Amino acid sequence: MVTAWEPAGAGVLRLPSGRLVRGRGLSRPLPAGPLPTFALYLLGQEPPSVAWEARWLRWPDFWLPSNRTATADALREAWMRAEHERVEIACAGGHGRTGTALACIAVLDGVPSHQAVAYVREHYASRAVETPWQRRFVSHFE
């Protein structure tokens, strides 16, 4: 049995359903505690391999994902897996791309798309979702 993230842990976002997803910046050290069981890495280049299952989405810094269909599929998978697994979403800094992805996952969890950025900024990081086009991406995510 996989134990969930510690709700008060660094970068852990509690969704309205109770699912926990950890966001983080890969430029910082891995937080202490259990490792992810599944991760989505949102980077312009393929990340180094890790000891847990991970997917890479090509997503240049400050921009939008290169393949929106693959991104939507991966975010749905992350949301579903977060019900029973430790899911991590990460980019280099942990704010723009990670915040955008977390806001889309919040939409999947029932947060209205026009409120998802505010939800993630309140419950994850005040600097989440950095650009107008990232905010627009969330507002059109289904």
C-alpha atoms as a PDB file:
ATOM      1  CA  MET A   1       0.000   0.000   0.000  1.00  0.00           C
ATOM      2  CA  VAL A   2       1.309   3.465  -0.915  1.00  0.00           C
ATOM      3  CA  THR A   3       1.043   6.130   1.745  1.00  0.00           C
ATOM      4  CA  ALA A   4      -0.054   9.587   0.641  1.00  0.00           C
ATOM      5  CA  TRP A   5       1.985  12.759   0.845  1.00  0.00           C
ATOM      6  CA  GLU A   6       2.064  14.483   4.213  1.00  0.00           C
ATOM      7  CA  PRO A   7      -0.585  17.222   3.736  1.00  0.00           C
ATOM      8  CA  ALA A   8       1.632  19.853   5.356  1.00  0.00           C
ATOM      9  CA  GLY A   9       4.687  18.766   3.347  1.00  0.00           C
ATOM     10  CA  ALA A  10       6.639  21.141   1.134  1.00  0.00           C
ATOM     11  CA  GLY A  11       4.749  21.903  -2.067  1.00  0.00           C
ATOM     12  CA  VAL A  12       1.804  19.613  -1.338  1.00  0.00           C
ATOM     13  CA  LEU A  13      -1.494  20.849  -2.789  1.00  0.00           C
ATOM     14  CA  ARG A  14      -4.728  19.435  -1.378  1.00  0.00           C
ATOM     15  CA  LEU A  15      -7.411  19.342  -4.033  1.00  0.00           C
ATOM     16  CA  PRO A  16     -11.096  19.729  -3.119  1.00  0.00           C
ATOM     17  CA  SER A  17     -11.570  15.945  -3.430  1.00  0.00           C
ATOM     18  CA  GLY A  18      -8.843  15.388  -0.828  1.00  0.00           C
ATOM     19  CA  ARG A  19      -6.293  14.151  -3.360  1.00  0.00           C
ATOM     20  CA  LEU A  20      -2.770  15.384  -2.642  1.00  0.00           C
ATOM     21  CA  VAL A  21      -0.329  16.375  -5.397  1.00  0.00           C
ATOM     22  CA  ARG A  22       3.168  17.722  -4.790  1.00  0.00           C
ATOM     23  CA  GLY A  23       4.556  20.503  -6.911  1.00  0.00           C
ATOM     24  CA  ARG A  24       8.211  21.432  -6.830  1.00  0.00           C
ATOM     25  CA  GLY A  25      11.100  23.061  -8.588  1.00  0.00           C
ATOM     26  CA  LEU A  26      13.744  20.669  -9.850  1.00  0.00           C
ATOM     27  CA  SER A  27      16.382  23.342  -9.250  1.00  0.00           C
ATOM     28  CA  ARG A  28      15.965  22.742  -5.506  1.00  0.00           C
ATOM     29  CA  PRO A  29      16.926  19.583  -3.595  1.00  0.00           C
ATOM     30  CA  LEU A  30      14.450  16.736  -3.360  1.00  0.00           C
ATOM     31  CA  PRO A  31      12.359  17.272  -0.196  1.00  0.00           C
ATOM     32  CA  ALA A  32      12.867  14.884   2.718  1.00  0.00           C
ATOM     33  CA  GLY A  33      10.355  12.093   3.110  1.00  0.00           C
ATOM     34  CA  PRO A  34       8.804   9.551   0.784  1.00  0.00           C
ATOM     35  CA  LEU A  35       9.594   9.566  -2.917  1.00  0.00           C
ATOM     36  CA  PRO A  36       6.979  10.044  -5.619  1.00  0.00           C
ATOM     37  CA  THR A  37       5.463   6.957  -7.191  1.00  0.00           C
ATOM     38  CA  PHE A  38       4.639   8.911 -10.372  1.00  0.00           C
ATOM     39  CA  ALA A  39       5.866  12.256 -11.683  1.00  0.00           C
ATOM     40  CA  LEU A  40       5.296  14.620 -14.578  1.00  0.00           C
ATOM     41  CA  TYR A  41       8.317  16.706 -15.509  1.00  0.00           C
ATOM     42  CA  LEU A  42       7.551  19.841 -17.514  1.00  0.00           C
ATOM     43  CA  LEU A  43      10.784  20.922 -19.159  1.00  0.00           C
ATOM     44  CA  GLY A  44      12.194  22.110 -22.456  1.00  0.00           C
ATOM     45  CA  GLN A  45      14.679  19.209 -22.427  1.00  0.00           C
ATOM     46  CA  GLU A  46      14.372  15.625 -21.291  1.00  0.00           C
ATOM     47  CA  PRO A  47      15.183  15.333 -17.563  1.00  0.00           C
ATOM     48  CA  PRO A  48      17.623  12.860 -16.033  1.00  0.00           C
ATOM     49  CA  SER A  49      16.128   9.492 -15.162  1.00  0.00           C
ATOM     50  CA  VAL A  50      14.703   8.934 -11.695  1.00  0.00           C
ATOM     51  CA  ALA A  51      14.019   5.877  -9.539  1.00  0.00           C
ATOM     52  CA  TRP A  52      10.231   6.248  -9.862  1.00  0.00           C
ATOM     53  CA  GLU A  53       7.863   6.188 -12.816  1.00  0.00           C
ATOM     54  CA  ALA A  54       7.944   9.509 -14.649  1.00  0.00           C
ATOM     55  CA  ARG A  55       6.706  11.159 -17.830  1.00  0.00           C
ATOM     56  CA  TRP A  56       8.339  14.087 -19.540  1.00  0.00           C
ATOM     57  CA  LEU A  57       6.322  16.740 -21.328  1.00  0.00           C
ATOM     58  CA  ARG A  58       8.211  19.157 -23.572  1.00  0.00           C
ATOM     59  CA  TRP A  59       7.221  22.504 -22.125  1.00  0.00           C
ATOM     60  CA  PRO A  60       9.620  25.446 -22.620  1.00  0.00           C
ATOM     61  CA  ASP A  61      10.095  27.823 -19.689  1.00  0.00           C
ATOM     62  CA  PHE A  62       7.481  30.626 -19.562  1.00  0.00           C
ATOM     63  CA  TRP A  63       5.539  29.123 -22.479  1.00  0.00           C
ATOM     64  CA  LEU A  64       2.945  26.447 -23.107  1.00  0.00           C
ATOM     65  CA  PRO A  65       3.351  22.721 -23.673  1.00  0.00           C
ATOM     66  CA  SER A  66       4.485  21.646 -27.135  1.00  0.00           C
ATOM     67  CA  ASN A  67       1.750  19.016 -27.426  1.00  0.00           C
ATOM     68  CA  ARG A  68      -1.515  20.070 -25.790  1.00  0.00           C
ATOM     69  CA  THR A  69      -3.264  16.728 -26.360  1.00  0.00           C
ATOM     70  CA  ALA A  70      -0.439  14.754 -24.745  1.00  0.00           C
ATOM     71  CA  THR A  71      -0.370  17.271 -21.899  1.00  0.00           C
ATOM     72  CA  ALA A  72      -4.108  16.964 -21.258  1.00  0.00           C
ATOM     73  CA  ASP A  73      -3.788  13.154 -21.266  1.00  0.00           C
ATOM     74  CA  ALA A  74      -0.834  13.258 -18.854  1.00  0.00           C
ATOM     75  CA  LEU A  75      -2.607  15.665 -16.492  1.00  0.00           C
ATOM     76  CA  ARG A  76      -5.682  13.425 -16.447  1.00  0.00           C
ATOM     77  CA  GLU A  77      -3.451  10.443 -15.669  1.00  0.00           C
ATOM     78  CA  ALA A  78      -1.734  12.369 -12.851  1.00  0.00           C
ATOM     79  CA  TRP A  79      -5.095  13.396 -11.387  1.00  0.00           C
ATOM     80  CA  MET A  80      -6.420   9.830 -11.497  1.00  0.00           C
ATOM     81  CA  ARG A  81      -3.245   8.374 -10.006  1.00  0.00           C
ATOM     82  CA  ALA A  82      -3.228  10.970  -7.202  1.00  0.00           C
ATOM     83  CA  GLU A  83      -6.215   9.190  -5.692  1.00  0.00           C
ATOM     84  CA  HIS A  84      -3.972   6.287  -4.597  1.00  0.00           C
ATOM     85  CA  GLU A  85      -0.378   7.314  -5.384  1.00  0.00           C
ATOM     86  CA  ARG A  86       2.176  10.025  -4.551  1.00  0.00           C
ATOM     87  CA  VAL A  87       2.120  12.204  -7.660  1.00  0.00           C
ATOM     88  CA  GLU A  88       4.651  14.969  -8.242  1.00  0.00           C
ATOM     89  CA  ILE A  89       4.464  17.743 -10.836  1.00  0.00           C
ATOM     90  CA  ALA A  90       7.702  19.654 -11.413  1.00  0.00           C
ATOM     91  CA  CYS A  91       9.484  22.110 -13.661  1.00  0.00           C
ATOM     92  CA  ALA A  92      12.745  23.981 -13.094  1.00  0.00           C
ATOM     93  CA  GLY A  93      11.430  26.657 -10.718  1.00  0.00           C
ATOM     94  CA  GLY A  94       8.178  25.081  -9.568  1.00  0.00           C
ATOM     95  CA  HIS A  95       5.953  28.081 -10.288  1.00  0.00           C
ATOM     96  CA  GLY A  96       4.990  28.794 -13.901  1.00  0.00           C
ATOM     97  CA  ARG A  97       4.680  25.450 -15.633  1.00  0.00           C
ATOM     98  CA  THR A  98       4.100  23.524 -12.402  1.00  0.00           C
ATOM     99  CA  GLY A  99       1.474  26.021 -11.251  1.00  0.00           C
ATOM    100  CA  THR A 100      -0.238  25.881 -14.635  1.00  0.00           C
ATOM    101  CA  ALA A 101      -0.349  22.081 -14.532  1.00  0.00           C
ATOM    102  CA  LEU A 102      -1.615  22.085 -10.930  1.00  0.00           C
ATOM    103  CA  ALA A 103      -4.342  24.561 -11.878  1.00  0.00           C
ATOM    104  CA  CYS A 104      -5.419  22.266 -14.738  1.00  0.00           C
ATOM    105  CA  ILE A 105      -5.472  19.327 -12.317  1.00  0.00           C
ATOM    106  CA  ALA A 106      -7.626  21.441  -9.985  1.00  0.00           C
ATOM    107  CA  VAL A 107     -10.052  21.929 -12.893  1.00  0.00           C
ATOM    108  CA  LEU A 108     -10.193  18.161 -13.338  1.00  0.00           C
ATOM    109  CA  ASP A 109     -10.952  17.923  -9.619  1.00  0.00           C
ATOM    110  CA  GLY A 110     -13.951  20.246  -9.916  1.00  0.00           C
ATOM    111  CA  VAL A 111     -12.554  23.752  -9.434  1.00  0.00           C
ATOM    112  CA  PRO A 112     -14.148  26.041 -12.071  1.00  0.00           C
ATOM    113  CA  SER A 113     -11.527  26.951 -14.679  1.00  0.00           C
ATOM    114  CA  HIS A 114     -11.932  30.684 -14.017  1.00  0.00           C
ATOM    115  CA  GLN A 115     -11.067  30.073 -10.313  1.00  0.00           C
ATOM    116  CA  ALA A 116      -8.308  27.476 -10.708  1.00  0.00           C
ATOM    117  CA  VAL A 117      -5.349  29.883 -10.860  1.00  0.00           C
ATOM    118  CA  ALA A 118      -6.517  31.650  -7.693  1.00  0.00           C
ATOM    119  CA  TYR A 119      -7.028  28.278  -5.999  1.00  0.00           C
ATOM    120  CA  VAL A 120      -3.475  27.154  -6.774  1.00  0.00           C
ATOM    121  CA  ARG A 121      -2.016  30.519  -5.773  1.00  0.00           C
ATOM    122  CA  GLU A 122      -3.832  30.328  -2.447  1.00  0.00           C
ATOM    123  CA  HIS A 123      -3.120  26.670  -1.655  1.00  0.00           C
ATOM    124  CA  TYR A 124       0.236  26.010  -3.378  1.00  0.00           C
ATOM    125  CA  ALA A 125       2.307  29.119  -4.228  1.00  0.00           C
ATOM    126  CA  SER A 126       1.405  32.782  -4.637  1.00  0.00           C
ATOM    127  CA  ARG A 127       3.666  33.020  -7.727  1.00  0.00           C
ATOM    128  CA  ALA A 128       2.065  30.037  -9.512  1.00  0.00           C
ATOM    129  CA  VAL A 129       1.073  30.496 -13.176  1.00  0.00           C
ATOM    130  CA  GLU A 130       3.406  33.237 -14.347  1.00  0.00           C
ATOM    131  CA  THR A 131       2.255  34.417 -17.766  1.00  0.00           C
ATOM    132  CA  PRO A 132      -0.993  35.611 -19.350  1.00  0.00           C
ATOM    133  CA  TRP A 133      -0.906  32.723 -21.855  1.00  0.00           C
ATOM    134  CA  GLN A 134      -0.495  30.208 -19.009  1.00  0.00           C
ATOM    135  CA  ARG A 135      -3.567  31.738 -17.307  1.00  0.00           C
ATOM    136  CA  ARG A 136      -5.451  31.521 -20.620  1.00  0.00           C
ATOM    137  CA  PHE A 137      -4.389  27.879 -21.027  1.00  0.00           C
ATOM    138  CA  VAL A 138      -5.942  27.080 -17.629  1.00  0.00           C
ATOM    139  CA  SER A 139      -9.131  29.059 -18.370  1.00  0.00           C
ATOM    140  CA  HIS A 140      -9.691  26.954 -21.517  1.00  0.00           C
ATOM    141  CA  PHE A 141      -8.701  23.616 -19.980  1.00  0.00           C
ATOM    142  CA  GLU A 142     -11.418  20.964 -19.721  1.00  0.00           C
END
